[in-house]
Amino acid sequence: MLFRNLKYFLKEGFNNLARNRLMTIASITSVMAAMLILGLFLVIILNVNSLTNQVESQLELKVFLKDNISEQEVSQIGNEIKSIHGVTSVVFESKEEALQKFKQQLGDKSYLAEGLEKDNPLPQSYIVKVKDANLMKNISNKIKQINGVDKVSYGQDVVDKLLGIIKIIRIVGLSIILILFIISIVIISNTIKLGVFARRREINIMKYIGATDWFIRWPFLIEGIVLGLVGALLSVVILALIYGYMLDIINNKLMVFKLLPLEKIAGDIIVYFSIIGAIIGALGSGLSIKRFLNV
């Protein structure tokens, strides 16, 4: 019985698509366009997240220690920093290592630092990395409270501006994705509504002879899911072509920053789009047939 019903639902769903070919093509095209724009913003968000992770992995706090502390106190400070939640690595930098780095930064003018070995003015320090840039301020405040710490530096203004920009990009991207999601539902709903309206008498008769709402609803849900899936998968193909072209320009020619490889995000995009397309189709169908079931 279950298999026979499923066979009937599938047959009716595909028959509905075949009977309304022009509207089916128009609906798939509209969904594909909406999903393509949605996909572009999804790709942007994925790359922004990747760029954020890259930047966060390079962010570090520089913890400068006081000069008049013993080796035991230095070691104790390091252990206390490691115990702070969110800290991923702690590397000690001696006065000698700090001077060597300073000379490297001077480059051709490293001679300016000659003679400092005997009376090295640079402090010993810890280089601290954290797992989340949002934790830097809180971690910095905790480190400042440790005895023996002179000061903590991490470029607070730069980090705050970076986090602000990333937050705006994410909010705008997610808002546009939500708007396109709603638009896609409306498109499919209106398309299927035409088919439902043409068959309203048939639906009424089925209701009067005892057919359940779900028995009537399933063929239309299948129709909507197919429309959403086909539109979504076609948009994935076009998106892959556009993204491949952009990869060549940005990664190989402009080299401003590195986009994620296509193969690294292709699987996620196919899965996300298939799920989103099916949900959009199901919701669109459900909304279009609802009022016709109230007999």
C-alpha atoms as a PDB file:
ATOM      1  CA  MET A   1       0.000   0.000   0.000  1.00  0.00           C
ATOM      2  CA  LEU A   2       2.767   2.405   0.940  1.00  0.00           C
ATOM      3  CA  PHE A   3       4.762   1.624  -2.209  1.00  0.00           C
ATOM      4  CA  ARG A   4       1.650   2.000  -4.396  1.00  0.00           C
ATOM      5  CA  ASN A   5       0.869   5.400  -2.871  1.00  0.00           C
ATOM      6  CA  LEU A   6       4.458   6.543  -3.339  1.00  0.00           C
ATOM      7  CA  LYS A   7       4.364   5.455  -6.972  1.00  0.00           C
ATOM      8  CA  TYR A   8       1.135   7.410  -7.452  1.00  0.00           C
ATOM      9  CA  PHE A   9       2.551  10.529  -5.733  1.00  0.00           C
ATOM     10  CA  LEU A  10       5.687  10.493  -7.900  1.00  0.00           C
ATOM     11  CA  LYS A  11       3.708   9.897 -11.100  1.00  0.00           C
ATOM     12  CA  GLU A  12       1.274  12.725 -10.359  1.00  0.00           C
ATOM     13  CA  GLY A  13       4.059  15.084  -9.317  1.00  0.00           C
ATOM     14  CA  PHE A  14       5.992  14.600 -12.570  1.00  0.00           C
ATOM     15  CA  ASN A  15       2.762  14.720 -14.608  1.00  0.00           C
ATOM     16  CA  ASN A  16       2.040  18.132 -13.097  1.00  0.00           C
ATOM     17  CA  LEU A  17       5.471  19.323 -14.215  1.00  0.00           C
ATOM     18  CA  ALA A  18       4.940  17.956 -17.730  1.00  0.00           C
ATOM     19  CA  ARG A  19       1.464  19.502 -18.086  1.00  0.00           C
ATOM     20  CA  ASN A  20       2.778  22.963 -17.186  1.00  0.00           C
ATOM     21  CA  ARG A  21       6.039  22.924 -19.171  1.00  0.00           C
ATOM     22  CA  LEU A  22       6.332  26.657 -19.709  1.00  0.00           C
ATOM     23  CA  MET A  23       5.636  27.482 -16.085  1.00  0.00           C
ATOM     24  CA  THR A  24       7.982  24.687 -14.998  1.00  0.00           C
ATOM     25  CA  ILE A  25      10.816  26.138 -17.111  1.00  0.00           C
ATOM     26  CA  ALA A  26      10.037  29.661 -15.898  1.00  0.00           C
ATOM     27  CA  SER A  27       9.992  28.514 -12.283  1.00  0.00           C
ATOM     28  CA  ILE A  28      13.251  26.565 -12.582  1.00  0.00           C
ATOM     29  CA  THR A  29      14.898  29.556 -14.279  1.00  0.00           C
ATOM     30  CA  SER A  30      13.687  31.952 -11.585  1.00  0.00           C
ATOM     31  CA  VAL A  31      14.786  29.660  -8.770  1.00  0.00           C
ATOM     32  CA  MET A  32      18.132  29.110 -10.488  1.00  0.00           C
ATOM     33  CA  ALA A  33      18.715  32.883 -10.724  1.00  0.00           C
ATOM     34  CA  ALA A  34      17.770  33.444  -7.086  1.00  0.00           C
ATOM     35  CA  MET A  35      19.882  30.482  -5.922  1.00  0.00           C
ATOM     36  CA  LEU A  36      22.806  31.672  -8.054  1.00  0.00           C
ATOM     37  CA  ILE A  37      22.843  35.042  -6.305  1.00  0.00           C
ATOM     38  CA  LEU A  38      22.373  33.263  -2.988  1.00  0.00           C
ATOM     39  CA  GLY A  39      25.319  31.015  -3.884  1.00  0.00           C
ATOM     40  CA  LEU A  40      27.560  33.957  -4.688  1.00  0.00           C
ATOM     41  CA  PHE A  41      26.970  35.391  -1.221  1.00  0.00           C
ATOM     42  CA  LEU A  42      27.422  31.954   0.336  1.00  0.00           C
ATOM     43  CA  VAL A  43      30.794  31.647  -1.411  1.00  0.00           C
ATOM     44  CA  ILE A  44      31.749  35.118  -0.192  1.00  0.00           C
ATOM     45  CA  ILE A  45      30.864  34.173   3.393  1.00  0.00           C
ATOM     46  CA  LEU A  46      32.859  30.914   3.147  1.00  0.00           C
ATOM     47  CA  ASN A  47      35.900  32.829   1.891  1.00  0.00           C
ATOM     48  CA  VAL A  48      35.461  35.548   4.524  1.00  0.00           C
ATOM     49  CA  ASN A  49      35.397  32.842   7.215  1.00  0.00           C
ATOM     50  CA  SER A  50      38.540  31.287   5.727  1.00  0.00           C
ATOM     51  CA  LEU A  51      40.267  34.682   5.597  1.00  0.00           C
ATOM     52  CA  THR A  52      39.158  35.362   9.175  1.00  0.00           C
ATOM     53  CA  ASN A  53      40.683  32.075  10.327  1.00  0.00           C
ATOM     54  CA  GLN A  54      43.925  32.901   8.526  1.00  0.00           C
ATOM     55  CA  VAL A  55      44.104  36.364  10.107  1.00  0.00           C
ATOM     56  CA  GLU A  56      43.184  35.031  13.551  1.00  0.00           C
ATOM     57  CA  SER A  57      45.933  32.407  13.324  1.00  0.00           C
ATOM     58  CA  GLN A  58      48.452  35.232  12.830  1.00  0.00           C
ATOM     59  CA  LEU A  59      47.142  37.481  15.596  1.00  0.00           C
ATOM     60  CA  GLU A  60      49.200  37.394  18.780  1.00  0.00           C
ATOM     61  CA  LEU A  61      49.643  39.131  22.081  1.00  0.00           C
ATOM     62  CA  LYS A  62      53.095  40.305  23.117  1.00  0.00           C
ATOM     63  CA  VAL A  63      53.495  40.005  26.890  1.00  0.00           C
ATOM     64  CA  PHE A  64      56.456  42.068  28.115  1.00  0.00           C
ATOM     65  CA  LEU A  65      57.973  41.020  31.451  1.00  0.00           C
ATOM     66  CA  LYS A  66      59.621  43.139  34.105  1.00  0.00           C
ATOM     67  CA  ASP A  67      63.425  43.082  34.266  1.00  0.00           C
ATOM     68  CA  ASN A  68      63.811  42.353  37.972  1.00  0.00           C
ATOM     69  CA  ILE A  69      62.217  38.884  38.056  1.00  0.00           C
ATOM     70  CA  SER A  70      63.849  35.479  38.433  1.00  0.00           C
ATOM     71  CA  GLU A  71      63.815  32.575  35.979  1.00  0.00           C
ATOM     72  CA  GLN A  72      61.408  30.749  38.270  1.00  0.00           C
ATOM     73  CA  GLU A  73      58.991  33.695  38.162  1.00  0.00           C
ATOM     74  CA  VAL A  74      59.303  33.842  34.376  1.00  0.00           C
ATOM     75  CA  SER A  75      58.398  30.162  34.162  1.00  0.00           C
ATOM     76  CA  GLN A  76      55.477  30.657  36.566  1.00  0.00           C
ATOM     77  CA  ILE A  77      54.119  33.506  34.446  1.00  0.00           C
ATOM     78  CA  GLY A  78      54.254  31.253  31.366  1.00  0.00           C
ATOM     79  CA  ASN A  79      52.294  28.522  33.167  1.00  0.00           C
ATOM     80  CA  GLU A  80      49.647  31.001  34.316  1.00  0.00           C
ATOM     81  CA  ILE A  81      49.217  32.319  30.751  1.00  0.00           C
ATOM     82  CA  LYS A  82      48.835  28.773  29.401  1.00  0.00           C
ATOM     83  CA  SER A  83      46.053  28.070  31.908  1.00  0.00           C
ATOM     84  CA  ILE A  84      43.902  30.950  30.593  1.00  0.00           C
ATOM     85  CA  HIS A  85      40.902  29.791  28.554  1.00  0.00           C
ATOM     86  CA  GLY A  86      41.325  30.508  24.828  1.00  0.00           C
ATOM     87  CA  VAL A  87      45.129  30.509  24.763  1.00  0.00           C
ATOM     88  CA  THR A  88      46.471  28.085  22.135  1.00  0.00           C
ATOM     89  CA  SER A  89      50.235  28.623  22.367  1.00  0.00           C
ATOM     90  CA  VAL A  90      52.774  30.421  24.542  1.00  0.00           C
ATOM     91  CA  VAL A  91      56.344  30.966  23.298  1.00  0.00           C
ATOM     92  CA  PHE A  92      59.074  32.575  25.394  1.00  0.00           C
ATOM     93  CA  GLU A  93      61.303  35.183  23.766  1.00  0.00           C
ATOM     94  CA  SER A  94      64.542  36.073  25.590  1.00  0.00           C
ATOM     95  CA  LYS A  95      66.221  39.473  25.529  1.00  0.00           C
ATOM     96  CA  GLU A  96      68.819  38.084  23.123  1.00  0.00           C
ATOM     97  CA  GLU A  97      66.169  36.717  20.736  1.00  0.00           C
ATOM     98  CA  ALA A  98      64.301  40.028  20.872  1.00  0.00           C
ATOM     99  CA  LEU A  99      67.485  41.898  19.914  1.00  0.00           C
ATOM    100  CA  GLN A 100      68.141  39.492  17.036  1.00  0.00           C
ATOM    101  CA  LYS A 101      64.619  40.040  15.693  1.00  0.00           C
ATOM    102  CA  PHE A 102      65.062  43.791  16.031  1.00  0.00           C
ATOM    103  CA  LYS A 103      68.221  43.630  13.910  1.00  0.00           C
ATOM    104  CA  GLN A 104      66.382  41.612  11.249  1.00  0.00           C
ATOM    105  CA  GLN A 105      63.618  44.205  11.134  1.00  0.00           C
ATOM    106  CA  LEU A 106      66.200  46.958  10.631  1.00  0.00           C
ATOM    107  CA  GLY A 107      67.522  45.118   7.568  1.00  0.00           C
ATOM    108  CA  ASP A 108      70.352  47.090   5.936  1.00  0.00           C
ATOM    109  CA  LYS A 109      70.400  49.429   8.925  1.00  0.00           C
ATOM    110  CA  SER A 110      71.080  46.661  11.440  1.00  0.00           C
ATOM    111  CA  TYR A 111      74.354  48.391  12.291  1.00  0.00           C
ATOM    112  CA  LEU A 112      72.288  50.844  14.349  1.00  0.00           C
ATOM    113  CA  ALA A 113      71.767  48.094  16.925  1.00  0.00           C
ATOM    114  CA  GLU A 114      75.459  47.269  17.280  1.00  0.00           C
ATOM    115  CA  GLY A 115      76.767  47.495  20.823  1.00  0.00           C
ATOM    116  CA  LEU A 116      73.410  46.772  22.437  1.00  0.00           C
ATOM    117  CA  GLU A 117      74.482  43.223  23.315  1.00  0.00           C
ATOM    118  CA  LYS A 118      76.307  44.397  26.431  1.00  0.00           C
ATOM    119  CA  ASP A 119      73.447  46.497  27.741  1.00  0.00           C
ATOM    120  CA  ASN A 120      70.342  45.060  26.034  1.00  0.00           C
ATOM    121  CA  PRO A 121      67.366  47.415  26.638  1.00  0.00           C
ATOM    122  CA  LEU A 122      64.794  45.044  25.118  1.00  0.00           C
ATOM    123  CA  PRO A 123      62.628  43.146  27.611  1.00  0.00           C
ATOM    124  CA  GLN A 124      62.062  39.411  27.708  1.00  0.00           C
ATOM    125  CA  SER A 125      58.536  38.462  26.687  1.00  0.00           C
ATOM    126  CA  TYR A 126      55.967  35.807  25.852  1.00  0.00           C
ATOM    127  CA  ILE A 127      54.294  35.572  22.447  1.00  0.00           C
ATOM    128  CA  VAL A 128      50.731  34.364  22.997  1.00  0.00           C
ATOM    129  CA  LYS A 129      48.291  33.114  20.353  1.00  0.00           C
ATOM    130  CA  VAL A 130      44.564  32.646  20.911  1.00  0.00           C
ATOM    131  CA  LYS A 131      41.907  30.542  19.178  1.00  0.00           C
ATOM    132  CA  ASP A 132      39.445  33.413  18.711  1.00  0.00           C
ATOM    133  CA  ALA A 133      40.197  37.083  18.072  1.00  0.00           C
ATOM    134  CA  ASN A 134      37.098  38.023  20.098  1.00  0.00           C
ATOM    135  CA  LEU A 135      38.850  36.681  23.213  1.00  0.00           C
ATOM    136  CA  MET A 136      41.974  38.830  22.843  1.00  0.00           C
ATOM    137  CA  LYS A 137      40.785  41.748  24.951  1.00  0.00           C
ATOM    138  CA  ASN A 138      39.585  39.508  27.776  1.00  0.00           C
ATOM    139  CA  ILE A 139      42.792  37.426  27.719  1.00  0.00           C
ATOM    140  CA  SER A 140      44.903  40.589  27.629  1.00  0.00           C
ATOM    141  CA  ASN A 141      43.158  41.928  30.755  1.00  0.00           C
ATOM    142  CA  LYS A 142      43.738  38.631  32.599  1.00  0.00           C
ATOM    143  CA  ILE A 143      47.428  38.558  31.674  1.00  0.00           C
ATOM    144  CA  LYS A 144      47.909  42.141  32.894  1.00  0.00           C
ATOM    145  CA  GLN A 145      46.848  41.014  36.373  1.00  0.00           C
ATOM    146  CA  ILE A 146      49.685  38.455  36.619  1.00  0.00           C
ATOM    147  CA  ASN A 147      52.552  39.526  38.858  1.00  0.00           C
ATOM    148  CA  GLY A 148      55.741  40.209  36.910  1.00  0.00           C
ATOM    149  CA  VAL A 149      53.974  41.325  33.707  1.00  0.00           C
ATOM    150  CA  ASP A 150      54.959  44.847  32.629  1.00  0.00           C
ATOM    151  CA  LYS A 151      52.524  45.391  29.756  1.00  0.00           C
ATOM    152  CA  VAL A 152      50.575  43.566  27.027  1.00  0.00           C
ATOM    153  CA  SER A 153      50.414  44.661  23.395  1.00  0.00           C
ATOM    154  CA  TYR A 154      48.254  43.258  20.589  1.00  0.00           C
ATOM    155  CA  GLY A 155      47.094  46.169  18.402  1.00  0.00           C
ATOM    156  CA  GLN A 156      43.652  46.528  19.930  1.00  0.00           C
ATOM    157  CA  ASP A 157      42.427  49.165  17.435  1.00  0.00           C
ATOM    158  CA  VAL A 158      43.351  47.027  14.420  1.00  0.00           C
ATOM    159  CA  VAL A 159      41.737  43.898  15.887  1.00  0.00           C
ATOM    160  CA  ASP A 160      38.527  45.763  16.820  1.00  0.00           C
ATOM    161  CA  LYS A 161      38.214  47.266  13.322  1.00  0.00           C
ATOM    162  CA  LEU A 162      38.858  43.877  11.711  1.00  0.00           C
ATOM    163  CA  LEU A 163      36.205  42.185  13.847  1.00  0.00           C
ATOM    164  CA  GLY A 164      33.741  44.989  13.061  1.00  0.00           C
ATOM    165  CA  ILE A 165      34.243  44.653   9.294  1.00  0.00           C
ATOM    166  CA  ILE A 166      33.898  40.856   9.437  1.00  0.00           C
ATOM    167  CA  LYS A 167      30.693  41.154  11.511  1.00  0.00           C
ATOM    168  CA  ILE A 168      29.129  43.591   9.013  1.00  0.00           C
ATOM    169  CA  ILE A 169      30.000  41.340   6.039  1.00  0.00           C
ATOM    170  CA  ARG A 170      28.459  38.323   7.764  1.00  0.00           C
ATOM    171  CA  ILE A 171      25.276  40.162   8.773  1.00  0.00           C
ATOM    172  CA  VAL A 172      24.771  41.642   5.284  1.00  0.00           C
ATOM    173  CA  GLY A 173      25.504  38.299   3.611  1.00  0.00           C
ATOM    174  CA  LEU A 174      23.143  36.337   5.845  1.00  0.00           C
ATOM    175  CA  SER A 175      20.406  38.981   5.442  1.00  0.00           C
ATOM    176  CA  ILE A 176      20.623  38.800   1.648  1.00  0.00           C
ATOM    177  CA  ILE A 177      20.598  34.981   1.772  1.00  0.00           C
ATOM    178  CA  LEU A 178      17.427  35.092   3.916  1.00  0.00           C
ATOM    179  CA  ILE A 179      15.733  37.538   1.519  1.00  0.00           C
ATOM    180  CA  LEU A 180      16.590  35.377  -1.514  1.00  0.00           C
ATOM    181  CA  PHE A 181      15.370  32.306   0.355  1.00  0.00           C
ATOM    182  CA  ILE A 182      11.967  33.951   0.870  1.00  0.00           C
ATOM    183  CA  ILE A 183      11.843  35.173  -2.751  1.00  0.00           C
ATOM    184  CA  SER A 184      12.521  31.638  -4.006  1.00  0.00           C
ATOM    185  CA  ILE A 185       9.667  30.265  -1.864  1.00  0.00           C
ATOM    186  CA  VAL A 186       7.270  32.874  -3.280  1.00  0.00           C
ATOM    187  CA  ILE A 187       8.344  32.085  -6.869  1.00  0.00           C
ATOM    188  CA  ILE A 188       7.731  28.352  -6.514  1.00  0.00           C
ATOM    189  CA  SER A 189       4.526  28.943  -4.535  1.00  0.00           C
ATOM    190  CA  ASN A 190       3.042  31.118  -7.291  1.00  0.00           C
ATOM    191  CA  THR A 191       4.076  28.686 -10.021  1.00  0.00           C
ATOM    192  CA  ILE A 192       2.533  25.657  -8.310  1.00  0.00           C
ATOM    193  CA  LYS A 193      -0.525  27.708  -7.361  1.00  0.00           C
ATOM    194  CA  LEU A 194      -1.444  27.953 -11.057  1.00  0.00           C
ATOM    195  CA  GLY A 195      -1.428  24.177 -11.358  1.00  0.00           C
ATOM    196  CA  VAL A 196      -3.397  23.800  -8.153  1.00  0.00           C
ATOM    197  CA  PHE A 197      -5.977  26.371  -9.295  1.00  0.00           C
ATOM    198  CA  ALA A 198      -6.470  24.485 -12.581  1.00  0.00           C
ATOM    199  CA  ARG A 199      -7.152  21.295 -10.623  1.00  0.00           C
ATOM    200  CA  ARG A 200      -9.235  22.830  -7.827  1.00  0.00           C
ATOM    201  CA  ARG A 201     -12.396  20.922  -8.838  1.00  0.00           C
ATOM    202  CA  GLU A 202     -10.482  17.658  -8.874  1.00  0.00           C
ATOM    203  CA  ILE A 203      -9.104  18.465  -5.398  1.00  0.00           C
ATOM    204  CA  ASN A 204     -12.637  19.240  -4.142  1.00  0.00           C
ATOM    205  CA  ILE A 205     -13.960  15.942  -5.498  1.00  0.00           C
ATOM    206  CA  MET A 206     -11.097  14.006  -3.889  1.00  0.00           C
ATOM    207  CA  LYS A 207     -11.868  15.719  -0.586  1.00  0.00           C
ATOM    208  CA  TYR A 208     -15.578  14.844  -0.795  1.00  0.00           C
ATOM    209  CA  ILE A 209     -14.887  11.136  -1.467  1.00  0.00           C
ATOM    210  CA  GLY A 210     -12.647  10.929   1.584  1.00  0.00           C
ATOM    211  CA  ALA A 211      -9.090  11.608   0.405  1.00  0.00           C
ATOM    212  CA  THR A 212      -6.907  12.971   3.214  1.00  0.00           C
ATOM    213  CA  ASP A 213      -5.165  16.328   2.961  1.00  0.00           C
ATOM    214  CA  TRP A 214      -1.754  14.651   2.824  1.00  0.00           C
ATOM    215  CA  PHE A 215      -2.832  12.267   0.048  1.00  0.00           C
ATOM    216  CA  ILE A 216      -3.738  15.324  -2.054  1.00  0.00           C
ATOM    217  CA  ARG A 217      -0.756  17.361  -0.913  1.00  0.00           C
ATOM    218  CA  TRP A 218       2.081  14.885  -1.642  1.00  0.00           C
ATOM    219  CA  PRO A 219       2.122  15.135  -5.493  1.00  0.00           C
ATOM    220  CA  PHE A 220       2.376  18.922  -5.222  1.00  0.00           C
ATOM    221  CA  LEU A 221       5.129  18.675  -2.607  1.00  0.00           C
ATOM    222  CA  ILE A 222       7.081  16.370  -4.925  1.00  0.00           C
ATOM    223  CA  GLU A 223       6.554  18.840  -7.763  1.00  0.00           C
ATOM    224  CA  GLY A 224       7.920  21.697  -5.650  1.00  0.00           C
ATOM    225  CA  ILE A 225      10.873  19.658  -4.394  1.00  0.00           C
ATOM    226  CA  VAL A 226      11.820  18.722  -7.977  1.00  0.00           C
ATOM    227  CA  LEU A 227      11.587  22.365  -9.081  1.00  0.00           C
ATOM    228  CA  GLY A 228      13.757  23.464  -6.159  1.00  0.00           C
ATOM    229  CA  LEU A 229      16.358  20.715  -6.661  1.00  0.00           C
ATOM    230  CA  VAL A 230      16.698  21.218 -10.423  1.00  0.00           C
ATOM    231  CA  GLY A 231      16.980  24.997 -10.036  1.00  0.00           C
ATOM    232  CA  ALA A 232      19.520  24.585  -7.220  1.00  0.00           C
ATOM    233  CA  LEU A 233      21.714  22.071  -9.076  1.00  0.00           C
ATOM    234  CA  LEU A 234      21.719  24.155 -12.283  1.00  0.00           C
ATOM    235  CA  SER A 235      22.800  27.167 -10.224  1.00  0.00           C
ATOM    236  CA  VAL A 236      25.636  25.075  -8.724  1.00  0.00           C
ATOM    237  CA  VAL A 237      26.950  24.305 -12.222  1.00  0.00           C
ATOM    238  CA  ILE A 238      26.902  27.978 -13.246  1.00  0.00           C
ATOM    239  CA  LEU A 239      28.362  29.037  -9.892  1.00  0.00           C
ATOM    240  CA  ALA A 240      31.224  26.539 -10.307  1.00  0.00           C
ATOM    241  CA  LEU A 241      32.059  28.017 -13.738  1.00  0.00           C
ATOM    242  CA  ILE A 242      32.000  31.593 -12.397  1.00  0.00           C
ATOM    243  CA  TYR A 243      34.032  30.669  -9.311  1.00  0.00           C
ATOM    244  CA  GLY A 244      36.610  28.805 -11.407  1.00  0.00           C
ATOM    245  CA  TYR A 245      37.039  31.917 -13.552  1.00  0.00           C
ATOM    246  CA  MET A 246      37.395  34.142 -10.473  1.00  0.00           C
ATOM    247  CA  LEU A 247      39.936  31.714  -8.979  1.00  0.00           C
ATOM    248  CA  ASP A 248      42.142  32.081 -12.032  1.00  0.00           C
ATOM    249  CA  ILE A 249      41.998  35.886 -11.931  1.00  0.00           C
ATOM    250  CA  ILE A 250      42.412  36.438  -8.171  1.00  0.00           C
ATOM    251  CA  ASN A 251      44.770  33.591  -7.210  1.00  0.00           C
ATOM    252  CA  ASN A 252      47.005  33.554 -10.286  1.00  0.00           C
ATOM    253  CA  LYS A 253      46.913  37.110 -11.644  1.00  0.00           C
ATOM    254  CA  LEU A 254      45.898  39.634  -8.991  1.00  0.00           C
ATOM    255  CA  MET A 255      47.243  37.624  -6.025  1.00  0.00           C
ATOM    256  CA  VAL A 256      45.596  40.073  -3.580  1.00  0.00           C
ATOM    257  CA  PHE A 257      44.474  37.182  -1.391  1.00  0.00           C
ATOM    258  CA  LYS A 258      43.816  33.492  -1.890  1.00  0.00           C
ATOM    259  CA  LEU A 259      40.326  32.178  -2.562  1.00  0.00           C
ATOM    260  CA  LEU A 260      39.425  28.717  -1.309  1.00  0.00           C
ATOM    261  CA  PRO A 261      40.011  25.980  -3.938  1.00  0.00           C
ATOM    262  CA  LEU A 262      36.832  24.965  -5.775  1.00  0.00           C
ATOM    263  CA  GLU A 263      37.174  21.317  -4.735  1.00  0.00           C
ATOM    264  CA  LYS A 264      37.289  22.371  -1.083  1.00  0.00           C
ATOM    265  CA  ILE A 265      33.866  24.052  -1.147  1.00  0.00           C
ATOM    266  CA  ALA A 266      32.139  22.213  -4.026  1.00  0.00           C
ATOM    267  CA  GLY A 267      30.908  19.353  -1.822  1.00  0.00           C
ATOM    268  CA  ASP A 268      29.507  21.712   0.827  1.00  0.00           C
ATOM    269  CA  ILE A 269      27.773  23.883  -1.782  1.00  0.00           C
ATOM    270  CA  ILE A 270      26.133  20.887  -3.503  1.00  0.00           C
ATOM    271  CA  VAL A 271      24.846  19.573  -0.169  1.00  0.00           C
ATOM    272  CA  TYR A 272      23.678  22.996   1.068  1.00  0.00           C
ATOM    273  CA  PHE A 273      21.976  23.857  -2.230  1.00  0.00           C
ATOM    274  CA  SER A 274      20.258  20.474  -2.509  1.00  0.00           C
ATOM    275  CA  ILE A 275      18.848  20.835   1.012  1.00  0.00           C
ATOM    276  CA  ILE A 276      17.891  24.498   0.534  1.00  0.00           C
ATOM    277  CA  GLY A 277      16.345  23.781  -2.875  1.00  0.00           C
ATOM    278  CA  ALA A 278      14.265  20.900  -1.503  1.00  0.00           C
ATOM    279  CA  ILE A 279      13.113  22.966   1.493  1.00  0.00           C
ATOM    280  CA  ILE A 280      12.219  25.941  -0.711  1.00  0.00           C
ATOM    281  CA  GLY A 281      10.244  23.670  -3.038  1.00  0.00           C
ATOM    282  CA  ALA A 282       8.407  21.908  -0.214  1.00  0.00           C
ATOM    283  CA  LEU A 283       7.515  25.180   1.546  1.00  0.00           C
ATOM    284  CA  GLY A 284       6.413  26.798  -1.715  1.00  0.00           C
ATOM    285  CA  SER A 285       4.145  23.852  -2.512  1.00  0.00           C
ATOM    286  CA  GLY A 286       2.752  23.669   0.996  1.00  0.00           C
ATOM    287  CA  LEU A 287       1.826  27.356   0.957  1.00  0.00           C
ATOM    288  CA  SER A 288       0.248  27.192  -2.516  1.00  0.00           C
ATOM    289  CA  ILE A 289      -2.099  24.271  -1.808  1.00  0.00           C
ATOM    290  CA  LYS A 290      -3.082  25.100   1.759  1.00  0.00           C
ATOM    291  CA  ARG A 291      -6.137  27.251   1.019  1.00  0.00           C
ATOM    292  CA  PHE A 292      -7.497  24.813  -1.580  1.00  0.00           C
ATOM    293  CA  LEU A 293      -7.676  22.040   1.019  1.00  0.00           C
ATOM    294  CA  ASN A 294     -10.104  24.008   3.184  1.00  0.00           C
ATOM    295  CA  VAL A 295     -13.290  22.647   1.631  1.00  0.00           C
END
